């Protein structure tokens, strides 16, 4: 996966140019920053910084983590460094960043997490957030004719796409499309006040994380 995104870095943002998705994107771009206004934010899998560019101007500070140096270089050119600290790191082993955050964001990362590792990721993510921190997870809905077709499904329920880059290379990419009930099930006990919303091509959940990633009883 990391090699794929490193190779895809120069063409990554073309996904945001699809004509049928423009209305959704404008709506999300208007909604999302208000969740983070005036807060410290930990962003996971920032990629090329497409969403960072909308969060950074209204947040007090952003730490943006990604495993790909190639996509992060694009993000650094897109977002002024005064508000954002970029960190190369593993989303499953988020380093101690020396502080807790009031907000957490992961855009288009959840769909690349194997079903068996979702709760592992959330535990680690929540552990880097402060008490009462709000989290937003944003990702794709599967839309026939717009989404890349699913080419494979494994025994655990993960789905895969076969993607072709401009250089002609093909890649098998994990891409899950969870339902609302699946999202509520995998976050059960890890959060409160979960709100699920959709647009035509995207979904988001917004919730309050339990302290230290633990289960509140």
N, C-alpha and C. Protein backbone atom coordinates (compact mmCIF):
# COMPACT_ATOMS: atom_id res chain seq x y z
N UNK A 1 0.83 -1.21 0.00
CA UNK A 1 0.00 0.00 0.00
C UNK A 1 0.87 1.26 0.00
N UNK A 2 1.92 1.27 0.84
CA UNK A 2 2.79 2.45 0.92
C UNK A 2 3.48 2.70 -0.42
N UNK A 3 3.94 1.61 -1.06
CA UNK A 3 4.59 1.74 -2.37
C UNK A 3 3.61 2.29 -3.40
N UNK A 4 2.37 1.80 -3.35
CA UNK A 4 1.36 2.28 -4.29
C UNK A 4 1.14 3.78 -4.14
N UNK A 5 1.00 4.26 -2.91
CA UNK A 5 0.74 5.69 -2.73
C UNK A 5 1.96 6.54 -3.03
N UNK A 6 3.14 5.99 -2.83
CA UNK A 6 4.35 6.72 -3.23
C UNK A 6 4.37 6.88 -4.75
N UNK A 7 4.04 5.80 -5.47
CA UNK A 7 4.02 5.86 -6.93
C UNK A 7 2.88 6.73 -7.45
N UNK A 8 1.77 6.76 -6.70
CA UNK A 8 0.60 7.49 -7.15
C UNK A 8 0.65 8.98 -6.80
N UNK A 9 1.58 9.38 -5.95
CA UNK A 9 1.61 10.75 -5.41
C UNK A 9 1.39 11.84 -6.46
N UNK A 10 2.09 11.81 -7.61
CA UNK A 10 1.93 12.91 -8.57
C UNK A 10 0.54 13.01 -9.18
N UNK A 11 -0.22 11.90 -9.18
CA UNK A 11 -1.55 11.92 -9.80
C UNK A 11 -2.68 11.74 -8.79
N UNK A 12 -2.34 11.75 -7.50
CA UNK A 12 -3.34 11.45 -6.46
C UNK A 12 -4.54 12.38 -6.52
N UNK A 13 -4.30 13.67 -6.66
CA UNK A 13 -5.39 14.64 -6.55
C UNK A 13 -6.35 14.63 -7.73
N UNK A 14 -6.05 13.84 -8.77
CA UNK A 14 -6.98 13.76 -9.90
C UNK A 14 -8.32 13.17 -9.47
N UNK A 15 -8.32 12.42 -8.37
CA UNK A 15 -9.57 11.84 -7.88
C UNK A 15 -10.56 12.92 -7.47
N UNK A 16 -10.03 14.09 -7.08
CA UNK A 16 -10.90 15.20 -6.66
C UNK A 16 -11.41 16.02 -7.84
N UNK A 17 -11.04 15.63 -9.04
CA UNK A 17 -11.47 16.37 -10.23
C UNK A 17 -12.66 15.73 -10.92
N UNK A 18 -13.14 14.61 -10.41
CA UNK A 18 -14.28 13.94 -11.06
C UNK A 18 -15.49 14.87 -11.05
N UNK A 19 -16.07 15.15 -12.21
CA UNK A 19 -17.16 16.13 -12.29
C UNK A 19 -18.35 15.80 -11.39
N UNK A 20 -18.70 14.52 -11.30
CA UNK A 20 -19.89 14.14 -10.54
C UNK A 20 -19.73 14.31 -9.03
N UNK A 21 -18.49 14.55 -8.59
CA UNK A 21 -18.23 14.66 -7.15
C UNK A 21 -18.09 16.11 -6.67
N UNK A 22 -18.14 17.06 -7.58
CA UNK A 22 -17.84 18.44 -7.22
C UNK A 22 -18.82 19.03 -6.21
N UNK A 23 -20.10 18.75 -6.36
CA UNK A 23 -21.09 19.29 -5.42
C UNK A 23 -20.84 18.77 -4.01
N UNK A 24 -20.57 17.47 -3.89
CA UNK A 24 -20.26 16.88 -2.59
C UNK A 24 -19.01 17.52 -1.98
N UNK A 25 -17.98 17.66 -2.78
CA UNK A 25 -16.72 18.20 -2.27
C UNK A 25 -16.89 19.63 -1.75
N UNK A 26 -17.63 20.46 -2.49
CA UNK A 26 -17.85 21.83 -2.02
C UNK A 26 -18.60 21.83 -0.69
N UNK A 27 -19.57 20.93 -0.55
CA UNK A 27 -20.34 20.87 0.69
C UNK A 27 -19.46 20.43 1.86
N UNK A 28 -18.60 19.44 1.63
CA UNK A 28 -17.72 18.95 2.70
C UNK A 28 -16.67 20.00 3.04
N UNK A 29 -16.15 20.66 2.02
CA UNK A 29 -15.15 21.71 2.26
C UNK A 29 -15.70 22.85 3.10
N UNK A 30 -17.00 23.10 3.01
CA UNK A 30 -17.63 24.14 3.82
C UNK A 30 -17.92 23.64 5.23
N UNK A 31 -18.32 22.37 5.35
CA UNK A 31 -18.70 21.81 6.66
C UNK A 31 -17.51 21.48 7.55
N UNK A 32 -16.52 20.81 6.98
CA UNK A 32 -15.43 20.22 7.77
C UNK A 32 -14.64 21.23 8.60
N UNK A 33 -14.21 22.36 8.06
CA UNK A 33 -13.39 23.27 8.86
C UNK A 33 -14.06 23.74 10.14
N UNK A 34 -15.38 23.85 10.14
CA UNK A 34 -16.06 24.34 11.32
C UNK A 34 -15.94 23.39 12.51
N UNK A 35 -15.74 22.11 12.23
CA UNK A 35 -15.55 21.14 13.31
C UNK A 35 -14.23 21.38 14.03
N UNK A 36 -13.25 21.92 13.31
CA UNK A 36 -11.90 22.05 13.84
C UNK A 36 -11.52 23.49 14.21
N UNK A 37 -12.42 24.40 14.02
CA UNK A 37 -12.11 25.81 14.27
C UNK A 37 -11.66 26.05 15.71
N UNK A 38 -10.51 26.70 15.85
CA UNK A 38 -10.01 27.08 17.17
C UNK A 38 -9.45 25.93 18.00
N UNK A 39 -9.16 24.79 17.37
CA UNK A 39 -8.72 23.60 18.11
C UNK A 39 -7.37 23.09 17.59
N UNK A 40 -6.70 22.32 18.44
CA UNK A 40 -5.53 21.57 17.99
C UNK A 40 -6.02 20.29 17.33
N UNK A 41 -5.38 19.89 16.23
CA UNK A 41 -5.88 18.78 15.42
C UNK A 41 -4.76 17.79 15.12
N UNK A 42 -5.05 16.52 15.30
CA UNK A 42 -4.18 15.44 14.84
C UNK A 42 -4.83 14.81 13.61
N UNK A 43 -4.17 14.94 12.47
CA UNK A 43 -4.68 14.37 11.22
C UNK A 43 -3.88 13.13 10.86
N UNK A 44 -4.58 12.05 10.61
CA UNK A 44 -3.95 10.79 10.24
C UNK A 44 -4.09 10.56 8.74
N UNK A 45 -3.00 10.10 8.12
CA UNK A 45 -2.99 9.82 6.67
C UNK A 45 -3.35 11.07 5.88
N UNK A 46 -2.57 12.12 6.08
CA UNK A 46 -2.86 13.41 5.45
C UNK A 46 -2.66 13.40 3.94
N UNK A 47 -1.90 12.43 3.42
CA UNK A 47 -1.68 12.33 1.98
C UNK A 47 -1.08 13.60 1.41
N UNK A 48 -1.69 14.11 0.36
CA UNK A 48 -1.17 15.30 -0.32
C UNK A 48 -1.62 16.60 0.35
N UNK A 49 -2.31 16.48 1.48
CA UNK A 49 -2.75 17.68 2.19
C UNK A 49 -3.99 18.33 1.63
N UNK A 50 -4.75 17.59 0.81
CA UNK A 50 -5.96 18.19 0.24
C UNK A 50 -6.89 18.68 1.33
N UNK A 51 -7.12 17.86 2.36
CA UNK A 51 -8.03 18.27 3.43
C UNK A 51 -7.33 19.13 4.46
N UNK A 52 -6.03 18.94 4.60
CA UNK A 52 -5.25 19.79 5.53
C UNK A 52 -5.39 21.25 5.15
N UNK A 53 -5.45 21.54 3.87
CA UNK A 53 -5.51 22.92 3.42
C UNK A 53 -6.79 23.64 3.87
N UNK A 54 -7.84 22.88 4.17
CA UNK A 54 -9.07 23.49 4.65
C UNK A 54 -9.11 23.56 6.18
N UNK A 55 -8.41 22.65 6.82
CA UNK A 55 -8.40 22.60 8.29
C UNK A 55 -7.41 23.60 8.87
N UNK A 56 -6.22 23.68 8.30
CA UNK A 56 -5.13 24.48 8.88
C UNK A 56 -5.49 25.95 9.09
N UNK A 57 -6.17 26.61 8.16
CA UNK A 57 -6.43 28.05 8.36
C UNK A 57 -7.30 28.36 9.58
N UNK A 58 -8.12 27.40 10.03
CA UNK A 58 -9.04 27.69 11.14
C UNK A 58 -8.61 27.05 12.44
N UNK A 59 -7.71 26.06 12.40
CA UNK A 59 -7.24 25.39 13.60
C UNK A 59 -6.15 26.22 14.27
N UNK A 60 -5.94 25.96 15.56
CA UNK A 60 -4.83 26.65 16.24
C UNK A 60 -3.50 26.00 15.89
N UNK A 61 -3.52 24.69 15.65
CA UNK A 61 -2.32 23.96 15.23
C UNK A 61 -2.75 22.61 14.70
N UNK A 62 -1.99 22.10 13.73
CA UNK A 62 -2.28 20.79 13.14
C UNK A 62 -0.99 19.98 13.11
N UNK A 63 -1.06 18.73 13.56
CA UNK A 63 0.00 17.76 13.31
C UNK A 63 -0.56 16.76 12.32
N UNK A 64 0.09 16.66 11.16
CA UNK A 64 -0.40 15.81 10.07
C UNK A 64 0.58 14.67 9.85
N UNK A 65 0.08 13.45 9.99
CA UNK A 65 0.93 12.26 9.90
C UNK A 65 0.60 11.46 8.64
N UNK A 66 1.65 10.93 8.01
CA UNK A 66 1.46 10.05 6.87
C UNK A 66 2.70 9.16 6.74
N UNK A 67 2.51 7.98 6.16
CA UNK A 67 3.64 7.06 5.99
C UNK A 67 4.42 7.34 4.71
N UNK A 68 3.85 8.10 3.79
CA UNK A 68 4.47 8.34 2.49
C UNK A 68 5.17 9.70 2.44
N UNK A 69 6.45 9.69 2.29
CA UNK A 69 7.20 10.94 2.15
C UNK A 69 6.85 11.65 0.84
N UNK A 70 6.51 10.86 -0.18
CA UNK A 70 6.22 11.43 -1.49
C UNK A 70 4.94 12.27 -1.47
N UNK A 71 3.88 11.74 -0.87
CA UNK A 71 2.65 12.53 -0.80
C UNK A 71 2.82 13.68 0.17
N UNK A 72 3.57 13.46 1.25
CA UNK A 72 3.77 14.51 2.24
C UNK A 72 4.53 15.70 1.64
N UNK A 73 5.42 15.44 0.71
CA UNK A 73 6.14 16.55 0.07
C UNK A 73 5.17 17.46 -0.67
N UNK A 74 4.17 16.86 -1.31
CA UNK A 74 3.15 17.67 -1.98
C UNK A 74 2.35 18.46 -0.95
N UNK A 75 2.02 17.83 0.17
CA UNK A 75 1.28 18.51 1.23
C UNK A 75 2.05 19.71 1.77
N UNK A 76 3.34 19.55 1.93
CA UNK A 76 4.17 20.64 2.45
C UNK A 76 4.19 21.84 1.52
N UNK A 77 4.08 21.59 0.22
CA UNK A 77 4.06 22.68 -0.75
C UNK A 77 2.69 23.35 -0.82
N UNK A 78 1.67 22.64 -0.34
CA UNK A 78 0.29 23.13 -0.42
C UNK A 78 -0.10 23.94 0.81
N UNK A 79 0.43 23.59 1.97
CA UNK A 79 -0.01 24.17 3.24
C UNK A 79 1.13 24.95 3.88
N UNK A 80 0.91 26.21 4.27
CA UNK A 80 1.95 27.00 4.94
C UNK A 80 2.42 26.29 6.22
N UNK A 81 3.72 26.27 6.49
CA UNK A 81 4.25 25.53 7.64
C UNK A 81 3.95 26.16 8.99
N UNK A 82 3.46 27.38 9.02
CA UNK A 82 3.25 28.06 10.30
C UNK A 82 2.21 27.37 11.17
N UNK A 83 1.23 26.70 10.55
CA UNK A 83 0.16 26.05 11.30
C UNK A 83 0.29 24.53 11.36
N UNK A 84 1.13 23.94 10.52
CA UNK A 84 1.14 22.49 10.37
C UNK A 84 2.53 21.91 10.62
N UNK A 85 2.57 20.88 11.45
CA UNK A 85 3.78 20.08 11.63
C UNK A 85 3.54 18.74 10.95
N UNK A 86 4.37 18.41 9.98
CA UNK A 86 4.23 17.15 9.26
C UNK A 86 5.14 16.10 9.88
N UNK A 87 4.59 14.91 10.09
CA UNK A 87 5.31 13.82 10.73
C UNK A 87 5.18 12.57 9.87
N UNK A 88 6.30 11.96 9.51
CA UNK A 88 6.27 10.67 8.82
C UNK A 88 6.10 9.60 9.88
N UNK A 89 5.05 8.80 9.76
CA UNK A 89 4.82 7.80 10.79
C UNK A 89 3.77 6.78 10.40
N UNK A 90 3.63 5.79 11.25
CA UNK A 90 2.73 4.66 11.05
C UNK A 90 1.42 4.92 11.77
N UNK A 91 0.31 4.83 11.05
CA UNK A 91 -1.00 5.09 11.64
C UNK A 91 -1.36 4.06 12.72
N UNK A 92 -0.73 2.89 12.67
CA UNK A 92 -0.99 1.87 13.68
C UNK A 92 -0.05 1.99 14.88
N UNK A 93 0.92 2.87 14.79
CA UNK A 93 1.86 3.09 15.90
C UNK A 93 2.19 4.58 15.93
N UNK A 94 1.19 5.39 16.23
CA UNK A 94 1.34 6.84 16.21
C UNK A 94 2.34 7.25 17.30
N UNK A 95 3.37 7.97 16.94
CA UNK A 95 4.39 8.32 17.94
C UNK A 95 3.84 9.28 19.00
N UNK A 96 4.52 9.32 20.14
CA UNK A 96 4.19 10.29 21.17
C UNK A 96 4.57 11.67 20.65
N UNK A 97 3.59 12.52 20.49
CA UNK A 97 3.81 13.84 19.89
C UNK A 97 3.96 14.93 20.93
N UNK A 98 4.05 14.54 22.20
CA UNK A 98 4.34 15.49 23.27
C UNK A 98 3.14 16.28 23.76
N UNK A 99 1.97 15.98 23.26
CA UNK A 99 0.76 16.68 23.68
C UNK A 99 -0.45 15.87 23.24
N UNK A 100 -1.60 16.22 23.82
CA UNK A 100 -2.87 15.63 23.42
C UNK A 100 -3.61 16.64 22.54
N UNK A 101 -4.52 16.15 21.73
CA UNK A 101 -5.21 16.99 20.76
C UNK A 101 -6.70 17.06 21.05
N UNK A 102 -7.28 18.21 20.75
CA UNK A 102 -8.72 18.41 20.98
C UNK A 102 -9.57 17.83 19.87
N UNK A 103 -8.98 17.59 18.72
CA UNK A 103 -9.69 17.05 17.57
C UNK A 103 -8.81 16.03 16.86
N UNK A 104 -9.47 15.06 16.23
CA UNK A 104 -8.78 14.08 15.41
C UNK A 104 -9.49 13.94 14.07
N UNK A 105 -8.72 13.75 13.02
CA UNK A 105 -9.29 13.62 11.68
C UNK A 105 -8.54 12.57 10.89
N UNK A 106 -9.29 11.70 10.22
CA UNK A 106 -8.70 10.75 9.28
C UNK A 106 -9.57 10.74 8.03
N UNK A 107 -9.05 11.28 6.96
CA UNK A 107 -9.77 11.36 5.71
C UNK A 107 -9.30 10.31 4.72
N UNK A 108 -10.20 9.44 4.29
CA UNK A 108 -9.93 8.45 3.26
C UNK A 108 -8.83 7.48 3.68
N UNK A 109 -8.79 7.22 4.98
CA UNK A 109 -7.87 6.23 5.54
C UNK A 109 -8.64 4.99 6.02
N UNK A 110 -9.82 5.21 6.61
CA UNK A 110 -10.58 4.10 7.18
C UNK A 110 -10.81 3.00 6.15
N UNK A 111 -11.05 3.36 4.91
CA UNK A 111 -11.35 2.38 3.86
C UNK A 111 -10.15 1.49 3.54
N UNK A 112 -8.94 1.89 3.96
CA UNK A 112 -7.74 1.11 3.70
C UNK A 112 -7.31 0.28 4.91
N UNK A 113 -8.11 0.29 5.96
CA UNK A 113 -7.80 -0.49 7.16
C UNK A 113 -8.45 -1.86 7.03
N UNK A 114 -7.70 -2.94 7.18
CA UNK A 114 -8.34 -4.26 7.19
C UNK A 114 -9.40 -4.32 8.29
N UNK A 115 -10.49 -5.01 8.02
CA UNK A 115 -11.58 -5.11 8.99
C UNK A 115 -11.06 -5.53 10.37
N UNK A 116 -10.11 -6.44 10.38
CA UNK A 116 -9.59 -6.98 11.65
C UNK A 116 -8.75 -5.98 12.43
N UNK A 117 -8.37 -4.84 11.81
CA UNK A 117 -7.49 -3.89 12.49
C UNK A 117 -8.15 -2.55 12.80
N UNK A 118 -9.43 -2.41 12.51
CA UNK A 118 -10.09 -1.12 12.72
C UNK A 118 -10.04 -0.71 14.18
N UNK A 119 -10.41 -1.60 15.08
CA UNK A 119 -10.42 -1.23 16.50
C UNK A 119 -9.01 -1.00 17.03
N UNK A 120 -8.05 -1.75 16.53
CA UNK A 120 -6.65 -1.51 16.90
C UNK A 120 -6.24 -0.09 16.53
N UNK A 121 -6.58 0.33 15.30
CA UNK A 121 -6.26 1.70 14.89
C UNK A 121 -6.94 2.72 15.77
N UNK A 122 -8.23 2.53 16.04
CA UNK A 122 -8.97 3.51 16.83
C UNK A 122 -8.43 3.62 18.25
N UNK A 123 -8.07 2.51 18.86
CA UNK A 123 -7.47 2.56 20.20
C UNK A 123 -6.23 3.45 20.19
N UNK A 124 -5.34 3.21 19.22
CA UNK A 124 -4.11 3.99 19.16
C UNK A 124 -4.36 5.45 18.86
N UNK A 125 -5.29 5.71 17.94
CA UNK A 125 -5.64 7.08 17.56
C UNK A 125 -6.20 7.84 18.75
N UNK A 126 -7.17 7.24 19.42
CA UNK A 126 -7.81 7.90 20.56
C UNK A 126 -6.82 8.16 21.70
N UNK A 127 -5.81 7.30 21.82
CA UNK A 127 -4.85 7.47 22.91
C UNK A 127 -4.02 8.73 22.76
N UNK A 128 -3.98 9.30 21.56
CA UNK A 128 -3.22 10.53 21.33
C UNK A 128 -4.10 11.78 21.43
N UNK A 129 -5.38 11.58 21.79
CA UNK A 129 -6.31 12.70 21.90
C UNK A 129 -6.60 13.02 23.36
N UNK A 130 -7.03 14.24 23.61
CA UNK A 130 -7.35 14.66 24.96
C UNK A 130 -8.76 14.27 25.36
N UNK A 131 -9.10 14.46 26.65
CA UNK A 131 -10.44 14.13 27.13
C UNK A 131 -11.51 14.92 26.36
N UNK A 132 -12.55 14.22 25.96
CA UNK A 132 -13.64 14.88 25.24
C UNK A 132 -13.33 15.27 23.82
N UNK A 133 -12.25 14.72 23.27
CA UNK A 133 -11.87 15.08 21.90
C UNK A 133 -12.90 14.61 20.90
N UNK A 134 -13.14 15.43 19.90
CA UNK A 134 -14.06 15.08 18.82
C UNK A 134 -13.26 14.54 17.64
N UNK A 135 -13.80 13.51 17.00
CA UNK A 135 -13.14 12.84 15.88
C UNK A 135 -14.06 12.88 14.66
N UNK A 136 -13.46 13.08 13.49
CA UNK A 136 -14.18 12.95 12.22
C UNK A 136 -13.43 11.93 11.35
N UNK A 137 -14.16 10.93 10.88
CA UNK A 137 -13.67 10.00 9.88
C UNK A 137 -14.46 10.26 8.60
N UNK A 138 -13.77 10.44 7.49
CA UNK A 138 -14.39 10.79 6.22
C UNK A 138 -13.90 9.83 5.16
N UNK A 139 -14.82 9.33 4.33
CA UNK A 139 -14.39 8.35 3.32
C UNK A 139 -15.43 8.21 2.20
N UNK A 140 -15.15 7.26 1.31
CA UNK A 140 -15.99 7.05 0.12
C UNK A 140 -17.16 6.12 0.35
N UNK A 141 -18.29 6.43 -0.25
CA UNK A 141 -19.34 5.46 -0.50
C UNK A 141 -19.04 4.78 -1.83
N UNK A 142 -19.50 3.55 -1.97
CA UNK A 142 -19.36 2.91 -3.27
C UNK A 142 -20.51 3.35 -4.17
N UNK A 143 -20.16 3.96 -5.29
CA UNK A 143 -21.17 4.44 -6.23
C UNK A 143 -20.86 3.83 -7.60
N UNK A 144 -21.74 2.99 -8.06
CA UNK A 144 -21.56 2.33 -9.36
C UNK A 144 -21.38 3.38 -10.46
N UNK A 145 -20.35 3.20 -11.26
CA UNK A 145 -20.08 4.11 -12.36
C UNK A 145 -19.12 5.23 -12.02
N UNK A 146 -18.93 5.47 -10.73
CA UNK A 146 -17.97 6.48 -10.29
C UNK A 146 -16.80 5.85 -9.54
N UNK A 147 -17.11 4.89 -8.69
CA UNK A 147 -16.06 4.19 -7.94
C UNK A 147 -15.39 3.14 -8.82
N UNK A 148 -14.12 2.88 -8.54
CA UNK A 148 -13.44 1.77 -9.21
C UNK A 148 -14.12 0.46 -8.80
N UNK A 149 -14.45 -0.40 -9.74
CA UNK A 149 -15.15 -1.65 -9.39
C UNK A 149 -14.37 -2.50 -8.39
N UNK A 150 -15.11 -3.20 -7.56
CA UNK A 150 -14.50 -4.16 -6.62
C UNK A 150 -14.12 -5.41 -7.40
N UNK A 151 -12.87 -5.81 -7.26
CA UNK A 151 -12.39 -6.94 -8.04
C UNK A 151 -12.23 -8.21 -7.22
N UNK A 152 -12.28 -8.07 -5.89
CA UNK A 152 -12.01 -9.23 -5.05
C UNK A 152 -12.57 -8.99 -3.65
N UNK A 153 -12.96 -10.08 -2.99
CA UNK A 153 -13.39 -10.02 -1.59
C UNK A 153 -12.75 -11.20 -0.87
N UNK A 154 -12.18 -10.94 0.33
CA UNK A 154 -11.54 -12.05 1.04
C UNK A 154 -12.45 -12.61 2.13
N UNK A 155 -11.96 -13.61 2.84
CA UNK A 155 -12.76 -14.33 3.83
C UNK A 155 -13.13 -13.46 5.02
N UNK A 156 -12.37 -12.40 5.27
CA UNK A 156 -12.65 -11.51 6.40
C UNK A 156 -13.64 -10.41 6.04
N UNK A 157 -14.03 -10.34 4.77
CA UNK A 157 -14.96 -9.31 4.34
C UNK A 157 -14.31 -8.08 3.77
N UNK A 158 -12.98 -8.09 3.63
CA UNK A 158 -12.30 -6.97 3.00
C UNK A 158 -12.52 -7.01 1.49
N UNK A 159 -12.63 -5.83 0.88
CA UNK A 159 -12.78 -5.75 -0.57
C UNK A 159 -11.57 -5.07 -1.19
N UNK A 160 -11.31 -5.40 -2.45
CA UNK A 160 -10.12 -4.91 -3.13
C UNK A 160 -10.48 -4.36 -4.50
N UNK A 161 -9.69 -3.39 -4.94
CA UNK A 161 -9.81 -2.83 -6.28
C UNK A 161 -8.50 -3.06 -7.02
N UNK A 162 -8.59 -3.20 -8.32
CA UNK A 162 -7.40 -3.23 -9.17
C UNK A 162 -7.28 -1.86 -9.81
N UNK A 163 -6.21 -1.15 -9.47
CA UNK A 163 -6.04 0.21 -9.96
C UNK A 163 -4.85 0.29 -10.91
N UNK A 164 -4.99 1.07 -11.96
CA UNK A 164 -3.93 1.25 -12.94
C UNK A 164 -3.45 2.69 -12.91
N UNK A 165 -2.14 2.87 -12.74
CA UNK A 165 -1.56 4.21 -12.73
C UNK A 165 -1.21 4.64 -14.16
N UNK A 166 -0.86 5.89 -14.29
CA UNK A 166 -0.57 6.44 -15.63
C UNK A 166 0.62 5.76 -16.29
N UNK A 167 1.51 5.18 -15.47
CA UNK A 167 2.66 4.49 -16.06
C UNK A 167 2.32 3.08 -16.52
N UNK A 168 1.05 2.70 -16.37
CA UNK A 168 0.60 1.40 -16.83
C UNK A 168 0.67 0.29 -15.79
N UNK A 169 1.27 0.54 -14.65
CA UNK A 169 1.36 -0.48 -13.61
C UNK A 169 0.00 -0.67 -12.94
N UNK A 170 -0.28 -1.91 -12.55
CA UNK A 170 -1.54 -2.21 -11.86
C UNK A 170 -1.24 -2.59 -10.42
N UNK A 171 -2.18 -2.25 -9.55
CA UNK A 171 -1.98 -2.47 -8.12
C UNK A 171 -3.26 -3.01 -7.49
N UNK A 172 -3.12 -3.99 -6.63
CA UNK A 172 -4.23 -4.55 -5.85
C UNK A 172 -4.32 -3.72 -4.56
N UNK A 173 -5.43 -3.01 -4.41
CA UNK A 173 -5.56 -2.05 -3.32
C UNK A 173 -6.75 -2.41 -2.43
N UNK A 174 -6.49 -2.54 -1.14
CA UNK A 174 -7.57 -2.74 -0.18
C UNK A 174 -8.43 -1.49 -0.12
N UNK A 175 -9.74 -1.65 -0.32
CA UNK A 175 -10.65 -0.51 -0.28
C UNK A 175 -12.00 -1.00 0.22
N UNK A 176 -12.29 -0.74 1.50
CA UNK A 176 -13.54 -1.17 2.10
C UNK A 176 -14.58 -0.05 2.08
N UNK A 177 -15.83 -0.45 2.03
CA UNK A 177 -16.95 0.49 2.00
C UNK A 177 -17.93 0.11 3.11
N UNK A 178 -17.63 0.46 4.36
CA UNK A 178 -18.47 0.03 5.48
C UNK A 178 -19.84 0.69 5.47
N UNK A 179 -20.82 -0.04 5.94
CA UNK A 179 -22.16 0.50 6.12
C UNK A 179 -22.23 1.26 7.44
N UNK A 180 -23.32 1.99 7.64
CA UNK A 180 -23.49 2.69 8.91
C UNK A 180 -23.49 1.70 10.07
N UNK A 181 -24.17 0.60 9.93
CA UNK A 181 -24.22 -0.37 11.03
C UNK A 181 -22.86 -0.97 11.32
N UNK A 182 -22.05 -1.18 10.29
CA UNK A 182 -20.70 -1.69 10.50
C UNK A 182 -19.83 -0.67 11.21
N UNK A 183 -19.97 0.59 10.86
CA UNK A 183 -19.21 1.64 11.53
C UNK A 183 -19.61 1.75 12.99
N UNK A 184 -20.89 1.66 13.26
CA UNK A 184 -21.34 1.73 14.66
C UNK A 184 -20.85 0.52 15.45
N UNK A 185 -20.81 -0.63 14.81
CA UNK A 185 -20.35 -1.84 15.49
C UNK A 185 -18.86 -1.76 15.83
N UNK A 186 -18.04 -1.30 14.88
CA UNK A 186 -16.59 -1.27 15.11
C UNK A 186 -16.16 -0.17 16.07
N UNK A 187 -17.02 0.83 16.27
CA UNK A 187 -16.68 1.90 17.22
C UNK A 187 -17.38 1.73 18.56
N UNK A 188 -18.18 0.67 18.70
CA UNK A 188 -18.95 0.48 19.94
C UNK A 188 -18.02 0.41 21.15
N UNK A 189 -18.34 1.20 22.17
CA UNK A 189 -17.53 1.23 23.39
C UNK A 189 -16.32 2.14 23.32
N UNK A 190 -16.01 2.62 22.12
CA UNK A 190 -14.83 3.48 21.94
C UNK A 190 -15.19 4.95 21.83
N UNK A 191 -16.47 5.25 21.72
CA UNK A 191 -16.86 6.64 21.51
C UNK A 191 -18.29 6.87 21.99
N UNK A 192 -18.68 8.12 21.98
CA UNK A 192 -20.04 8.52 22.34
C UNK A 192 -20.56 9.51 21.31
N UNK A 193 -21.88 9.62 21.26
CA UNK A 193 -22.54 10.64 20.43
C UNK A 193 -22.15 10.55 18.95
N UNK A 194 -22.09 9.34 18.43
CA UNK A 194 -21.70 9.17 17.03
C UNK A 194 -22.81 9.65 16.11
N UNK A 195 -22.42 10.46 15.15
CA UNK A 195 -23.34 10.96 14.13
C UNK A 195 -22.81 10.55 12.76
N UNK A 196 -23.70 9.94 11.99
CA UNK A 196 -23.35 9.46 10.66
C UNK A 196 -24.05 10.32 9.63
N UNK A 197 -23.30 10.75 8.62
CA UNK A 197 -23.90 11.55 7.56
C UNK A 197 -23.35 11.10 6.22
N UNK A 198 -24.13 11.33 5.18
CA UNK A 198 -23.69 10.96 3.84
C UNK A 198 -23.99 12.09 2.86
N UNK A 199 -23.21 12.08 1.80
CA UNK A 199 -23.47 12.85 0.60
C UNK A 199 -23.68 11.81 -0.50
N UNK A 200 -23.66 12.20 -1.73
CA UNK A 200 -23.90 11.21 -2.79
C UNK A 200 -22.74 10.22 -2.91
N UNK A 201 -21.50 10.71 -2.70
CA UNK A 201 -20.32 9.88 -2.92
C UNK A 201 -19.48 9.64 -1.67
N UNK A 202 -19.84 10.24 -0.56
CA UNK A 202 -19.00 10.18 0.63
C UNK A 202 -19.82 9.95 1.89
N UNK A 203 -19.17 9.42 2.92
CA UNK A 203 -19.76 9.32 4.24
C UNK A 203 -18.81 9.94 5.26
N UNK A 204 -19.36 10.31 6.41
CA UNK A 204 -18.55 10.79 7.52
C UNK A 204 -19.20 10.37 8.82
N UNK A 205 -18.37 10.08 9.81
CA UNK A 205 -18.86 9.94 11.18
C UNK A 205 -18.15 10.98 12.04
N UNK A 206 -18.90 11.54 12.95
CA UNK A 206 -18.40 12.53 13.89
C UNK A 206 -18.79 12.04 15.28
N UNK A 207 -17.82 11.96 16.20
CA UNK A 207 -18.12 11.43 17.52
C UNK A 207 -17.14 11.98 18.56
N UNK A 208 -17.44 11.72 19.83
CA UNK A 208 -16.55 12.07 20.93
C UNK A 208 -15.82 10.81 21.35
N UNK A 209 -14.49 10.87 21.29
CA UNK A 209 -13.66 9.69 21.62
C UNK A 209 -13.61 9.48 23.12
N UNK A 210 -13.60 8.21 23.52
CA UNK A 210 -13.38 7.89 24.93
C UNK A 210 -11.93 8.12 25.29
N UNK A 211 -11.69 8.53 26.52
CA UNK A 211 -10.34 8.87 26.97
C UNK A 211 -9.38 7.70 26.81
N UNK A 212 -8.17 8.00 26.34
CA UNK A 212 -7.08 7.05 26.20
C UNK A 212 -7.43 5.85 25.34
N UNK A 213 -8.46 6.03 24.49
CA UNK A 213 -8.82 4.93 23.59
C UNK A 213 -9.49 3.77 24.29
N UNK A 214 -9.80 3.95 25.57
CA UNK A 214 -10.38 2.85 26.34
C UNK A 214 -11.88 2.76 26.18
N UNK A 215 -12.45 1.75 26.77
CA UNK A 215 -13.89 1.54 26.71
C UNK A 215 -14.53 2.14 27.95
N UNK A 216 -15.46 3.04 27.74
CA UNK A 216 -16.17 3.66 28.84
C UNK A 216 -17.33 2.76 29.25
N UNK A 217 -17.41 2.47 30.54
CA UNK A 217 -18.47 1.57 31.05
C UNK A 217 -19.43 2.35 31.94
